[in-house]
Amino acid sequence: MATHRRAKLAHDTFRNFTSKILTKPPNPHPSSRITQIQSSNLPPNRANFSGFSSFSTISSKSISKFRQARTNYNPFLTGSKRYYYVDRYKVQHFRPRGPRRWFQNPRNVLIVVLVSSGVVITVYFGNSETIPYTKRTHLVLLSKSMERKLGESQFNEMKAAFKGKILPAIHPESIRVRLIANDIVQALQRGLSHEQVWSDLGYASESYGAGQERSGKETLMALKEGGGEEKVHGKWFREDEILDDEWVQQTRKKGRERGSQSATSHLDGLKWEVLVVNEPIVNAFCLPGGKIVVFTGLLDHFRTDTEIATIIGHEVGHAVARHSAEGMTKNLWFAILQLILYQFVMPDIVNTMSTLFLRLPFSRRMEIEADYIGLLLMASAGYDPRLAPKVYEKLGELTGESALRDYLSTHPSGKKRAQLLAQAQVMEEALTIYKNVIAGRGVEGFL
């Protein structure tokens, strides 16, 4: 009976002790610390159980915290918070990404405008040049060395295209053209008023690089299709067409006010060459790098030396003003403008309008500019500039021009071109130079 009572007392004591442990609030100390304390206060036979109870309590706490953290997880409160924003109604939204989000910031827009403006200004003023005589400022992105290489490459293609048709250097027409061209080149040297490292004007041979025969044939076909023998007929005539040179006087005045220096470094160290081709094409041109090509079709219609000097002087004027490089630069800007307009207007309309109102007016202005420079060159070379207007009028008759062609061509009409040249102020300057040359007084620095 006494044994039963002692067992019951021990059982009740154990139950009371375990209930106190389970209902006791969590201890902030680590589990190892709790186990050590409880083990030191309990009998040896209860130490293991006390340690188990503490571990169970801490494990339950960790699990409950994990569940609570998982339940309360919010991606808006993590590191991606910068991709979201909260409106006034406490609603969370995604922030816009990409250029649209970037340009919504006025500061970013200001940075883009300033950087773009700086780039445009740097490119423009870093590649702007002043043309001799007219003092017109133009933008040329093509480097001088690249322009010269392109001219030499095209010259080799020309020799490949007309293989077997190039007159020999001892041919009378070759000698005549070479002498006239040499007078024009020497006049150019005087007009620039500083020494140029130029070799004597030579006559080109028929030798050309390998692999250029095919491209040479394409060049020949292009010249034959667009040569001076084509006839354009039209019934739309406009005799009161306006063609003046007021822009020349304005640019010269502005150039003098600014003290602009003409850009002539692209002429340094040129190796001038002449090529006479036996083809019935009424044409002649001067490629970048000092390569002059004349066709016998032109010599058949223009027999005097003054007429030939007028045409060669005009073509050399294109090389002096770097019109080829300027044309390439303008074509680049026109292409960019066309791509933008294609988004809003029909491509056919864009092409027509850009040609009529952008490309052709610029090209005609270059032609007038070359006329003026060529007129001064031929006068300095000792050829009467008063015959130049007749040459351009005759050239217009040979090409079968009409008033409609005048608006659809890169060259002004021969008749209006002759009238403008005869009345222009440059004619008075050319006559003064010519009279001084005839009197034995050379004029320098007229460009």
Protein backbone atom coordinates (compact mmCIF):
# COMPACT_ATOMS: atom_id res chain seq x y z
CA MET A 1 0.00 0.00 0.00
CA ALA A 2 2.83 2.38 0.86
CA THR A 3 4.55 1.48 -2.43
CA HIS A 4 1.42 2.36 -4.39
CA ARG A 5 1.21 5.75 -2.67
CA ARG A 6 4.84 6.59 -3.38
CA ALA A 7 4.40 5.64 -7.06
CA LYS A 8 1.30 7.78 -7.39
CA LEU A 9 3.06 10.72 -5.73
CA ALA A 10 5.99 10.38 -8.10
CA HIS A 11 3.65 10.25 -11.10
CA ASP A 12 1.79 13.39 -10.02
CA THR A 13 5.03 15.22 -9.37
CA PHE A 14 6.32 14.30 -12.82
CA ARG A 15 3.09 15.49 -14.51
CA ASN A 16 3.19 18.80 -12.66
CA PHE A 17 6.81 19.33 -13.60
CA THR A 18 6.34 18.56 -17.28
CA SER A 19 3.25 20.79 -17.49
CA LYS A 20 5.24 23.71 -16.06
CA ILE A 21 7.93 23.23 -18.66
CA LEU A 22 5.51 23.09 -21.61
CA THR A 23 3.57 26.17 -20.51
CA LYS A 24 6.72 28.20 -19.69
CA PRO A 25 7.35 31.16 -22.15
CA PRO A 26 10.18 30.74 -24.70
CA ASN A 27 13.65 31.41 -23.40
CA PRO A 28 15.69 33.82 -25.55
CA HIS A 29 18.87 31.93 -24.81
CA PRO A 30 20.22 29.38 -27.27
CA SER A 31 19.07 25.77 -26.99
CA SER A 32 22.49 24.64 -25.88
CA ARG A 33 22.36 27.13 -23.00
CA ILE A 34 18.86 26.00 -21.94
CA THR A 35 19.87 22.37 -22.03
CA GLN A 36 22.89 23.04 -19.84
CA ILE A 37 20.90 25.02 -17.24
CA GLN A 38 18.02 22.56 -17.03
CA SER A 39 20.38 19.59 -16.93
CA SER A 40 22.23 21.08 -14.01
CA ASN A 41 18.95 21.61 -12.00
CA LEU A 42 17.35 18.27 -12.68
CA PRO A 43 18.20 14.79 -11.55
CA PRO A 44 20.34 12.74 -13.88
CA ASN A 45 17.48 10.56 -14.97
CA ARG A 46 15.47 13.60 -16.23
CA ALA A 47 18.19 15.50 -17.98
CA ASN A 48 17.62 13.95 -21.36
CA PHE A 49 13.92 14.66 -21.34
CA SER A 50 14.43 18.28 -20.37
CA GLY A 51 16.79 18.75 -23.28
CA PHE A 52 14.28 17.24 -25.69
CA SER A 53 11.55 19.52 -24.47
CA SER A 54 13.67 22.65 -25.03
CA PHE A 55 14.57 21.54 -28.55
CA SER A 56 10.93 20.93 -29.36
CA THR A 57 9.96 24.38 -28.18
CA ILE A 58 12.68 26.13 -30.22
CA SER A 59 11.90 24.06 -33.31
CA SER A 60 8.24 25.04 -33.08
CA LYS A 61 9.27 28.70 -32.83
CA SER A 62 11.51 28.47 -35.93
CA ILE A 63 8.80 26.75 -37.94
CA SER A 64 6.20 29.35 -36.95
CA LYS A 65 8.58 32.20 -37.91
CA PHE A 66 9.30 30.57 -41.28
CA ARG A 67 5.59 30.17 -41.99
CA GLN A 68 4.91 33.76 -41.00
CA ALA A 69 7.74 35.03 -43.21
CA ARG A 70 6.50 32.96 -46.12
CA THR A 71 2.97 34.24 -45.65
CA ASN A 72 4.04 37.87 -45.42
CA TYR A 73 6.54 37.75 -48.39
CA ASN A 74 6.15 40.77 -50.70
CA PRO A 75 8.31 41.20 -53.79
CA PHE A 76 7.73 44.96 -53.64
CA LEU A 77 9.81 45.08 -50.46
CA THR A 78 12.83 43.26 -51.91
CA GLY A 79 15.70 44.49 -54.06
CA SER A 80 13.41 44.84 -57.13
CA LYS A 81 11.51 47.64 -55.44
CA ARG A 82 12.99 50.14 -57.90
CA TYR A 83 10.95 48.57 -60.73
CA TYR A 84 7.66 49.43 -58.99
CA TYR A 85 5.87 52.49 -57.70
CA VAL A 86 2.75 53.15 -55.58
CA ASP A 87 0.09 55.57 -56.75
CA ARG A 88 -2.11 57.76 -54.55
CA TYR A 89 -4.59 54.92 -54.11
CA LYS A 90 -1.86 52.74 -52.58
CA VAL A 91 -1.81 50.52 -55.67
CA GLN A 92 1.51 49.11 -56.77
CA HIS A 93 2.46 49.29 -60.47
CA PHE A 94 5.33 48.20 -62.66
CA ARG A 95 7.68 50.99 -63.66
CA PRO A 96 8.05 51.44 -67.48
CA ARG A 97 11.33 50.15 -68.90
CA GLY A 98 13.41 50.88 -72.01
CA PRO A 99 13.82 54.20 -73.89
CA ARG A 100 10.30 55.31 -73.01
CA ARG A 101 11.07 55.22 -69.29
CA TRP A 102 14.46 56.82 -69.91
CA PHE A 103 13.06 59.77 -71.84
CA GLN A 104 10.37 60.46 -69.25
CA ASN A 105 13.08 62.05 -67.17
CA PRO A 106 13.62 65.69 -68.27
CA ARG A 107 17.20 65.49 -67.13
CA ASN A 108 17.92 62.61 -69.50
CA VAL A 109 16.26 64.48 -72.37
CA LEU A 110 18.43 67.52 -71.66
CA ILE A 111 21.57 65.36 -71.65
CA VAL A 112 20.63 63.82 -75.01
CA VAL A 113 19.97 67.25 -76.56
CA LEU A 114 23.25 68.70 -75.30
CA VAL A 115 25.34 65.71 -76.40
CA SER A 116 23.67 65.54 -79.83
CA SER A 117 24.14 69.26 -80.35
CA GLY A 118 27.79 68.97 -79.41
CA VAL A 119 28.33 66.12 -81.85
CA VAL A 120 26.58 67.96 -84.70
CA ILE A 121 28.51 71.18 -84.07
CA THR A 122 31.81 69.30 -83.86
CA VAL A 123 31.16 67.39 -87.09
CA TYR A 124 29.99 70.47 -88.97
CA PHE A 125 32.75 72.87 -88.00
CA GLY A 126 35.37 70.14 -88.12
CA ASN A 127 34.52 69.26 -91.72
CA SER A 128 33.40 72.62 -93.14
CA GLU A 129 35.51 74.18 -95.87
CA THR A 130 35.51 77.44 -97.81
CA ILE A 131 35.45 77.21 -101.60
CA PRO A 132 37.89 79.45 -103.50
CA TYR A 133 36.51 82.62 -105.09
CA THR A 134 32.82 82.21 -104.11
CA LYS A 135 33.78 81.74 -100.43
CA ARG A 136 30.81 79.44 -100.00
CA THR A 137 31.06 77.17 -96.97
CA HIS A 138 30.18 73.54 -97.56
CA LEU A 139 30.26 70.37 -95.50
CA VAL A 140 32.51 67.55 -96.75
CA LEU A 141 32.70 64.33 -94.74
CA LEU A 142 34.93 62.51 -97.23
CA SER A 143 38.60 62.80 -96.36
CA LYS A 144 41.01 64.26 -98.91
CA SER A 145 43.06 61.08 -99.15
CA MET A 146 39.98 58.94 -99.72
CA GLU A 147 38.70 61.36 -102.35
CA ARG A 148 42.00 61.17 -104.20
CA LYS A 149 42.01 57.36 -104.06
CA LEU A 150 38.49 57.23 -105.46
CA GLY A 151 39.49 59.55 -108.30
CA GLU A 152 42.52 57.44 -109.17
CA SER A 153 40.49 54.23 -109.02
CA GLN A 154 37.84 55.67 -111.35
CA PHE A 155 40.56 56.90 -113.69
CA ASN A 156 41.97 53.37 -113.94
CA GLU A 157 38.47 52.10 -114.67
CA MET A 158 38.18 54.63 -117.46
CA LYS A 159 41.43 53.40 -119.00
CA ALA A 160 40.16 49.83 -118.77
CA ALA A 161 36.81 50.78 -120.34
CA PHE A 162 38.40 52.53 -123.30
CA LYS A 163 41.28 50.16 -123.87
CA GLY A 164 42.43 50.49 -127.47
CA LYS A 165 40.60 53.83 -127.93
CA ILE A 166 43.00 56.05 -126.00
CA LEU A 167 44.94 58.31 -128.34
CA PRO A 168 48.74 58.01 -128.01
CA ALA A 169 50.72 60.80 -126.39
CA ILE A 170 52.24 61.87 -129.74
CA HIS A 171 48.85 62.24 -131.44
CA PRO A 172 48.21 65.88 -132.49
CA GLU A 173 44.93 66.05 -130.55
CA SER A 174 46.61 64.63 -127.44
CA ILE A 175 49.40 67.20 -127.66
CA ARG A 176 46.92 70.03 -128.21
CA VAL A 177 44.71 69.10 -125.26
CA ARG A 178 47.72 68.54 -123.01
CA LEU A 179 49.12 72.00 -123.78
CA ILE A 180 45.77 73.69 -123.08
CA ALA A 181 45.34 71.75 -119.85
CA ASN A 182 48.85 72.69 -118.81
CA ASP A 183 47.99 76.38 -119.26
CA ILE A 184 44.91 75.95 -117.04
CA VAL A 185 46.89 74.14 -114.33
CA GLN A 186 49.56 76.86 -114.29
CA ALA A 187 46.81 79.49 -114.06
CA LEU A 188 45.41 77.63 -111.08
CA GLN A 189 48.78 77.77 -109.41
CA ARG A 190 48.89 81.54 -109.87
CA GLY A 191 45.32 81.91 -108.70
CA LEU A 192 46.01 80.14 -105.42
CA SER A 193 48.94 82.54 -104.84
CA HIS A 194 51.15 79.97 -103.10
CA GLU A 195 53.54 77.31 -104.26
CA GLN A 196 52.08 73.91 -105.03
CA VAL A 197 54.13 70.75 -105.21
CA TRP A 198 52.87 69.66 -108.60
CA SER A 199 54.67 67.55 -111.14
CA ASP A 200 54.61 68.45 -114.81
CA LEU A 201 51.31 67.63 -116.45
CA GLY A 202 51.71 64.27 -118.16
CA TYR A 203 49.78 62.13 -120.57
CA ALA A 204 48.28 58.95 -119.13
CA SER A 205 49.08 55.55 -120.59
CA GLU A 206 46.66 52.71 -121.24
CA SER A 207 47.97 50.61 -118.37
CA TYR A 208 45.47 49.86 -115.64
CA GLY A 209 45.15 47.57 -112.68
CA ALA A 210 43.97 43.99 -112.94
CA GLY A 211 40.31 43.26 -112.25
CA GLN A 212 39.06 46.63 -113.50
CA GLU A 213 38.03 45.62 -116.99
CA ARG A 214 34.52 44.64 -115.93
CA SER A 215 33.89 47.86 -114.02
CA GLY A 216 35.40 49.75 -116.92
CA LYS A 217 32.77 48.32 -119.28
CA GLU A 218 30.03 49.45 -116.90
CA THR A 219 31.51 52.95 -116.91
CA LEU A 220 31.55 52.97 -120.71
CA MET A 221 27.88 51.96 -120.88
CA ALA A 222 26.93 54.67 -118.39
CA LEU A 223 28.74 57.33 -120.40
CA LYS A 224 27.15 56.23 -123.66
CA GLU A 225 23.66 56.20 -122.12
CA GLY A 226 24.09 59.63 -120.51
CA GLY A 227 26.36 61.24 -123.07
CA GLY A 228 25.93 64.56 -124.71
CA GLU A 229 24.29 63.16 -127.86
CA GLU A 230 20.94 62.51 -126.17
CA LYS A 231 17.98 64.59 -127.29
CA VAL A 232 15.26 65.70 -124.91
CA HIS A 233 12.20 67.28 -126.48
CA GLY A 234 9.49 69.09 -124.59
CA LYS A 235 6.72 71.59 -125.23
CA TRP A 236 6.98 73.41 -121.92
CA PHE A 237 9.11 76.52 -122.40
CA ARG A 238 9.70 79.19 -119.82
CA GLU A 239 11.75 82.07 -121.17
CA ASP A 240 11.38 84.12 -118.01
CA GLU A 241 13.29 81.59 -115.94
CA ILE A 242 15.09 83.22 -113.01
CA LEU A 243 18.78 82.43 -112.84
CA ASP A 244 21.06 84.87 -111.02
CA ASP A 245 24.27 84.94 -109.07
CA GLU A 246 23.22 87.05 -106.11
CA TRP A 247 24.17 84.19 -103.79
CA VAL A 248 27.75 84.37 -105.11
CA GLN A 249 28.11 88.03 -104.17
CA GLN A 250 26.52 87.43 -100.78
CA THR A 251 28.80 84.54 -99.91
CA ARG A 252 31.86 86.48 -101.07
CA LYS A 253 30.85 89.44 -98.91
CA LYS A 254 30.32 87.21 -95.87
CA GLY A 255 33.62 85.46 -96.55
CA ARG A 256 35.49 88.76 -96.58
CA GLU A 257 33.79 89.84 -93.38
CA ARG A 258 34.75 86.62 -91.63
CA GLY A 259 38.20 86.58 -93.14
CA SER A 260 37.63 83.04 -94.45
CA GLN A 261 40.61 81.23 -95.93
CA SER A 262 39.94 79.09 -98.99
CA ALA A 263 40.53 75.37 -98.55
CA THR A 264 43.13 74.24 -101.09
CA SER A 265 45.08 71.59 -99.20
CA HIS A 266 43.40 68.87 -101.28
CA LEU A 267 45.37 70.21 -104.27
CA ASP A 268 48.77 69.69 -102.65
CA GLY A 269 51.01 67.17 -104.37
CA LEU A 270 48.62 66.35 -107.22
CA LYS A 271 49.89 64.43 -110.20
CA TRP A 272 47.96 65.99 -113.07
CA GLU A 273 47.28 63.70 -116.03
CA VAL A 274 45.35 64.05 -119.30
CA LEU A 275 43.63 61.35 -121.30
CA VAL A 276 42.08 61.78 -124.76
CA VAL A 277 39.62 59.06 -125.75
CA ASN A 278 38.53 58.40 -129.32
CA GLU A 279 34.77 58.23 -128.68
CA PRO A 280 31.91 60.29 -130.19
CA ILE A 281 30.81 61.48 -126.75
CA VAL A 282 30.44 65.23 -126.23
CA ASN A 283 31.88 65.25 -122.75
CA ALA A 284 34.94 65.98 -120.62
CA PHE A 285 35.57 65.84 -116.88
CA CYS A 286 38.24 66.18 -114.23
CA LEU A 287 38.32 63.49 -111.55
CA PRO A 288 39.57 64.13 -108.01
CA GLY A 289 43.32 63.84 -107.97
CA GLY A 290 43.90 65.89 -111.14
CA LYS A 291 42.82 63.33 -113.77
CA ILE A 292 41.44 65.06 -116.88
CA VAL A 293 39.55 63.06 -119.53
CA VAL A 294 38.49 64.54 -122.88
CA PHE A 295 36.54 62.76 -125.63
CA THR A 296 37.11 63.35 -129.33
CA GLY A 297 33.35 63.92 -129.75
CA LEU A 298 33.86 67.18 -127.90
CA LEU A 299 36.87 68.10 -130.05
CA ASP A 300 34.82 67.57 -133.22
CA HIS A 301 32.37 70.32 -132.23
CA PHE A 302 34.75 72.70 -130.44
CA ARG A 303 37.75 73.34 -132.65
CA THR A 304 39.40 76.43 -131.18
CA ASP A 305 41.78 76.41 -128.24
CA THR A 306 39.65 78.96 -126.36
CA GLU A 307 36.61 76.69 -126.52
CA ILE A 308 38.61 73.73 -125.23
CA ALA A 309 40.12 75.91 -122.49
CA THR A 310 36.62 76.99 -121.41
CA ILE A 311 35.48 73.42 -120.94
CA ILE A 312 38.68 72.20 -119.27
CA GLY A 313 38.68 75.23 -116.97
CA HIS A 314 35.10 74.43 -115.96
CA GLU A 315 35.97 70.82 -115.16
CA VAL A 316 39.06 71.81 -113.19
CA GLY A 317 36.81 74.22 -111.27
CA HIS A 318 34.81 71.22 -110.05
CA ALA A 319 38.00 69.65 -108.70
CA VAL A 320 39.09 72.90 -107.04
CA ALA A 321 35.72 73.23 -105.25
CA ARG A 322 35.61 69.52 -104.28
CA HIS A 323 32.15 69.17 -105.76
CA SER A 324 32.42 65.38 -106.01
CA ALA A 325 33.05 64.99 -102.29
CA GLU A 326 30.36 67.53 -101.48
CA GLY A 327 27.89 65.62 -103.64
CA MET A 328 28.63 62.39 -101.77
CA THR A 329 28.06 64.13 -98.44
CA LYS A 330 24.76 65.65 -99.58
CA ASN A 331 23.58 62.30 -100.91
CA LEU A 332 24.20 60.83 -97.46
CA TRP A 333 22.05 63.49 -95.77
CA PHE A 334 19.36 63.16 -98.44
CA ALA A 335 19.23 59.40 -97.90
CA ILE A 336 18.76 59.88 -94.14
CA LEU A 337 16.04 62.47 -94.75
CA GLN A 338 14.28 60.17 -97.19
CA LEU A 339 14.29 57.30 -94.70
CA ILE A 340 12.58 59.58 -92.17
CA LEU A 341 9.99 60.84 -94.68
CA TYR A 342 9.24 57.29 -95.82
CA GLN A 343 7.46 56.80 -92.49
CA PHE A 344 4.90 59.47 -93.33
CA VAL A 345 4.80 59.95 -97.13
CA MET A 346 4.71 57.62 -100.11
CA PRO A 347 8.24 56.70 -101.32
CA ASP A 348 7.58 57.83 -104.92
CA ILE A 349 6.54 61.29 -103.77
CA VAL A 350 9.54 61.55 -101.46
CA ASN A 351 11.98 60.58 -104.22
CA THR A 352 10.49 63.03 -106.72
CA MET A 353 10.29 65.96 -104.33
CA SER A 354 13.81 65.41 -102.93
CA THR A 355 15.22 65.28 -106.46
CA LEU A 356 13.45 68.40 -107.73
CA PHE A 357 13.83 70.59 -104.65
CA LEU A 358 17.03 69.34 -103.03
CA ARG A 359 19.42 67.47 -105.31
CA LEU A 360 19.05 69.36 -108.59
CA PRO A 361 19.20 72.92 -107.20
CA PHE A 362 22.39 72.09 -105.32
CA SER A 363 23.88 70.50 -108.45
CA ARG A 364 23.02 73.50 -110.61
CA ARG A 365 24.60 75.79 -108.05
CA MET A 366 27.79 73.74 -108.25
CA GLU A 367 27.77 74.08 -112.04
CA ILE A 368 27.50 77.86 -111.86
CA GLU A 369 30.28 77.87 -109.29
CA ALA A 370 32.50 75.82 -111.61
CA ASP A 371 31.66 78.21 -114.48
CA TYR A 372 32.95 81.15 -112.47
CA ILE A 373 36.16 79.48 -111.32
CA GLY A 374 36.79 78.15 -114.83
CA LEU A 375 36.25 81.59 -116.32
CA LEU A 376 38.95 83.08 -114.09
CA LEU A 377 41.32 80.20 -114.85
CA MET A 378 41.00 80.51 -118.62
CA ALA A 379 41.47 84.29 -118.40
CA SER A 380 44.63 83.84 -116.32
CA ALA A 381 45.83 81.26 -118.86
CA GLY A 382 45.60 83.85 -121.64
CA TYR A 383 42.30 82.82 -123.27
CA ASP A 384 39.62 85.42 -123.98
CA PRO A 385 36.81 84.89 -121.38
CA ARG A 386 34.26 86.73 -123.57
CA LEU A 387 33.97 83.60 -125.73
CA ALA A 388 32.91 81.39 -122.80
CA PRO A 389 29.16 82.26 -122.93
CA LYS A 390 29.02 81.22 -126.58
CA VAL A 391 30.63 77.89 -125.69
CA TYR A 392 27.95 77.12 -123.10
CA GLU A 393 25.17 78.19 -125.44
CA LYS A 394 26.57 75.94 -128.17
CA LEU A 395 26.90 73.11 -125.70
CA GLY A 396 23.22 73.50 -124.81
CA GLU A 397 22.26 73.28 -128.49
CA LEU A 398 24.27 70.09 -128.90
CA THR A 399 22.53 68.40 -126.00
CA GLY A 400 19.09 69.26 -127.38
CA GLU A 401 17.93 71.00 -124.23
CA SER A 402 14.51 72.41 -123.54
CA ALA A 403 13.02 74.38 -120.68
CA LEU A 404 11.69 71.17 -119.19
CA ARG A 405 15.15 69.63 -119.32
CA ASP A 406 16.46 72.66 -117.44
CA TYR A 407 14.39 71.70 -114.44
CA LEU A 408 15.15 68.00 -114.71
CA SER A 409 18.90 68.31 -115.21
CA THR A 410 21.84 69.02 -112.96
CA HIS A 411 23.10 71.67 -115.41
CA PRO A 412 21.40 75.00 -116.09
CA SER A 413 20.21 75.62 -119.63
CA GLY A 414 22.94 76.69 -122.03
CA LYS A 415 21.13 79.87 -123.09
CA LYS A 416 20.43 81.10 -119.57
CA ARG A 417 23.85 79.98 -118.50
CA ALA A 418 25.46 82.09 -121.22
CA GLN A 419 23.32 85.13 -120.37
CA LEU A 420 24.18 84.90 -116.70
CA LEU A 421 27.90 84.50 -117.35
CA ALA A 422 28.00 87.43 -119.75
CA GLN A 423 26.28 89.76 -117.26
CA ALA A 424 27.93 88.52 -114.08
CA GLN A 425 30.47 90.51 -112.13
CA VAL A 426 32.94 87.67 -112.54
CA MET A 427 33.16 88.52 -116.26
CA GLU A 428 34.54 91.96 -115.41
CA GLU A 429 37.11 90.37 -113.08
CA ALA A 430 38.04 87.83 -115.75
CA LEU A 431 38.47 90.56 -118.37
CA THR A 432 40.76 92.50 -116.03
CA ILE A 433 42.89 89.41 -115.47
CA TYR A 434 42.97 88.66 -119.21
CA LYS A 435 44.09 92.18 -120.12
CA ASN A 436 46.88 92.08 -117.56
CA VAL A 437 48.06 88.71 -118.85
CA ILE A 438 48.06 89.96 -122.45
CA ALA A 439 50.05 93.00 -121.30
CA GLY A 440 52.59 90.72 -119.66
CA ARG A 441 51.47 91.38 -116.10
CA GLY A 442 50.44 88.19 -114.39
CA VAL A 443 47.73 88.34 -111.73
CA GLU A 444 48.04 86.14 -108.66
CA GLY A 445 45.72 85.27 -105.81
CA PHE A 446 42.49 85.86 -107.72
CA LEU A 447 40.92 82.73 -106.17
